[in-house]
Amino acid sequence: MLLGSGLEPRYWRLATEAANAVRLRSPVRGLAVTPHKLFWGVRPSAVPMRVFGCTAYVRKPDHTRSHKFATVADKGRFVGWEPDGNYRVLVNGKLVISRDVAIDETGPWQPTPLAACPDSDSDEDCPPV
């Protein structure tokens, strides 16, 4: 997972936690229930499985935006789930935990150049968020 995502080796812990979350929610031959249900006695959350390392957009709270036309989300990389179902997203090297996440699994992750989309009043074209 880590190699396929293109993330640096220092994120191995996040990759193993995400792999374990997928493994515990996957059916096992010879068991009538998933390992998650067997260990904890409850069905796993209905959070959909996502591609590790894909592009994710974390919504910014309204009060943190500088003006009405500022970007509404930060672009990052999906790196797993929290036990309560929130998503873990790596944004600029920092781990952000949020439920307000849009995930794009259609293609490989592409960083957005900072100069191409300033958070100012300029009229430059910015990639959609």
Protein backbone atom coordinates (compact mmCIF):
# COMPACT_ATOMS: atom_id res chain seq x y z
CA MET A 1 0.00 0.00 0.00
CA LEU A 2 2.73 2.44 0.93
CA LEU A 3 4.73 1.76 -2.22
CA GLY A 4 1.67 1.99 -4.47
CA SER A 5 0.61 5.29 -2.92
CA GLY A 6 3.92 7.00 -3.56
CA LEU A 7 4.10 8.25 0.03
CA GLU A 8 7.43 8.45 1.82
CA PRO A 9 8.53 5.48 3.97
CA ARG A 10 8.10 7.54 7.15
CA TYR A 11 4.33 7.05 6.79
CA TRP A 12 4.59 3.26 7.20
CA ARG A 13 2.57 3.34 10.46
CA LEU A 14 -0.41 4.97 8.74
CA ALA A 15 -0.20 2.42 5.91
CA THR A 16 -0.16 -0.55 8.30
CA GLU A 17 -3.08 0.85 10.31
CA ALA A 18 -5.12 1.35 7.12
CA ALA A 19 -4.23 -2.16 5.89
CA ASN A 20 -5.29 -3.63 9.23
CA ALA A 21 -8.61 -1.73 9.12
CA VAL A 22 -9.33 -3.21 5.69
CA ARG A 23 -8.26 -6.70 6.79
CA LEU A 24 -10.49 -6.66 9.88
CA ARG A 25 -13.52 -5.65 7.79
CA SER A 26 -12.95 -8.26 5.07
CA PRO A 27 -14.71 -11.65 5.07
CA VAL A 28 -12.64 -14.67 6.05
CA ARG A 29 -13.18 -18.20 4.77
CA GLY A 30 -14.46 -20.45 7.54
CA LEU A 31 -15.99 -17.66 9.61
CA ALA A 32 -19.61 -16.57 9.50
CA VAL A 33 -18.65 -13.03 10.58
CA THR A 34 -15.83 -10.57 9.92
CA PRO A 35 -12.85 -10.51 12.30
CA HIS A 36 -14.04 -7.07 13.50
CA LYS A 37 -17.38 -8.52 14.65
CA LEU A 38 -15.60 -11.52 16.18
CA PHE A 39 -13.20 -9.37 18.25
CA TRP A 40 -15.49 -6.53 19.34
CA GLY A 41 -18.94 -8.10 19.08
CA VAL A 42 -20.31 -5.34 16.84
CA ARG A 43 -20.50 -4.93 13.10
CA PRO A 44 -17.83 -2.64 11.60
CA SER A 45 -18.85 0.89 10.68
CA ALA A 46 -20.27 1.41 7.23
CA VAL A 47 -17.42 3.73 6.21
CA PRO A 48 -16.61 2.85 2.59
CA MET A 49 -13.18 1.46 1.77
CA ARG A 50 -10.98 3.96 -0.08
CA VAL A 51 -7.71 3.80 -2.03
CA PHE A 52 -4.80 4.53 0.31
CA GLY A 53 -2.90 7.63 -0.79
CA CYS A 54 -5.57 8.97 -3.17
CA THR A 55 -6.46 12.65 -3.40
CA ALA A 56 -8.71 13.96 -0.63
CA TYR A 57 -10.16 17.40 -0.02
CA VAL A 58 -10.75 18.41 3.62
CA ARG A 59 -13.35 21.15 4.04
CA LYS A 60 -12.15 24.21 5.94
CA PRO A 61 -14.45 25.59 8.66
CA ASP A 62 -16.10 28.86 7.62
CA HIS A 63 -14.42 30.88 10.37
CA THR A 64 -10.91 29.93 9.16
CA ARG A 65 -11.36 31.28 5.63
CA SER A 66 -9.98 34.75 5.01
CA HIS A 67 -12.77 35.95 2.72
CA LYS A 68 -15.87 34.78 0.89
CA PHE A 69 -14.00 33.61 -2.22
CA ALA A 70 -11.14 31.83 -0.43
CA THR A 71 -10.65 28.13 -1.07
CA VAL A 72 -13.13 26.00 0.83
CA ALA A 73 -10.94 22.89 1.13
CA ASP A 74 -7.35 21.80 1.61
CA LYS A 75 -5.95 19.20 -0.79
CA GLY A 76 -4.29 16.22 0.81
CA ARG A 77 -3.89 12.45 0.67
CA PHE A 78 -6.20 9.89 2.23
CA VAL A 79 -4.30 7.75 4.75
CA GLY A 80 -6.96 5.90 6.74
CA TRP A 81 -9.87 6.00 9.15
CA GLU A 82 -10.40 6.79 12.79
CA PRO A 83 -12.30 4.23 14.91
CA ASP A 84 -15.33 6.55 14.96
CA GLY A 85 -15.47 6.65 11.14
CA ASN A 86 -13.76 10.00 10.52
CA TYR A 87 -11.16 10.15 7.76
CA ARG A 88 -7.42 10.66 8.22
CA VAL A 89 -5.93 12.96 5.59
CA LEU A 90 -2.33 14.07 5.24
CA VAL A 91 -2.32 17.80 4.36
CA ASN A 92 1.06 19.50 3.91
CA GLY A 93 2.74 16.86 6.08
CA LYS A 94 0.23 17.18 8.93
CA LEU A 95 -2.40 14.60 9.84
CA VAL A 96 -5.91 16.07 9.71
CA ILE A 97 -8.90 14.15 11.07
CA SER A 98 -12.28 15.15 9.68
CA ARG A 99 -15.64 13.83 8.60
CA ASP A 100 -16.02 16.56 5.96
CA VAL A 101 -13.86 15.00 3.26
CA ALA A 102 -14.35 14.56 -0.48
CA ILE A 103 -12.25 11.76 -1.95
CA ASP A 104 -11.13 11.46 -5.57
CA GLU A 105 -10.03 7.93 -6.48
CA THR A 106 -10.11 8.48 -10.26
CA GLY A 107 -6.42 9.11 -10.82
CA PRO A 108 -3.01 9.35 -9.20
CA TRP A 109 -2.39 12.08 -6.66
CA GLN A 110 -1.06 15.30 -8.17
CA PRO A 111 0.20 18.11 -5.94
CA THR A 112 -1.26 21.54 -6.59
CA PRO A 113 1.47 24.15 -7.09
CA LEU A 114 1.03 26.89 -4.52
CA ALA A 115 1.76 29.64 -7.05
CA ALA A 116 -1.01 28.38 -9.35
CA CYS A 117 -3.76 28.97 -6.81
CA PRO A 118 -3.01 31.76 -4.36
CA ASP A 119 -5.40 32.48 -1.53
CA SER A 120 -5.70 36.13 -2.53
CA ASP A 121 -7.85 38.45 -4.61
CA SER A 122 -6.10 37.72 -7.91
CA ASP A 123 -7.98 36.61 -11.02
CA GLU A 124 -5.72 33.65 -11.84
CA ASP A 125 -7.35 30.37 -12.82
CA CYS A 126 -7.22 27.84 -10.02
CA PRO A 127 -7.90 24.11 -10.22
CA PRO A 128 -11.33 23.16 -8.85
CA VAL A 129 -11.46 22.12 -5.23
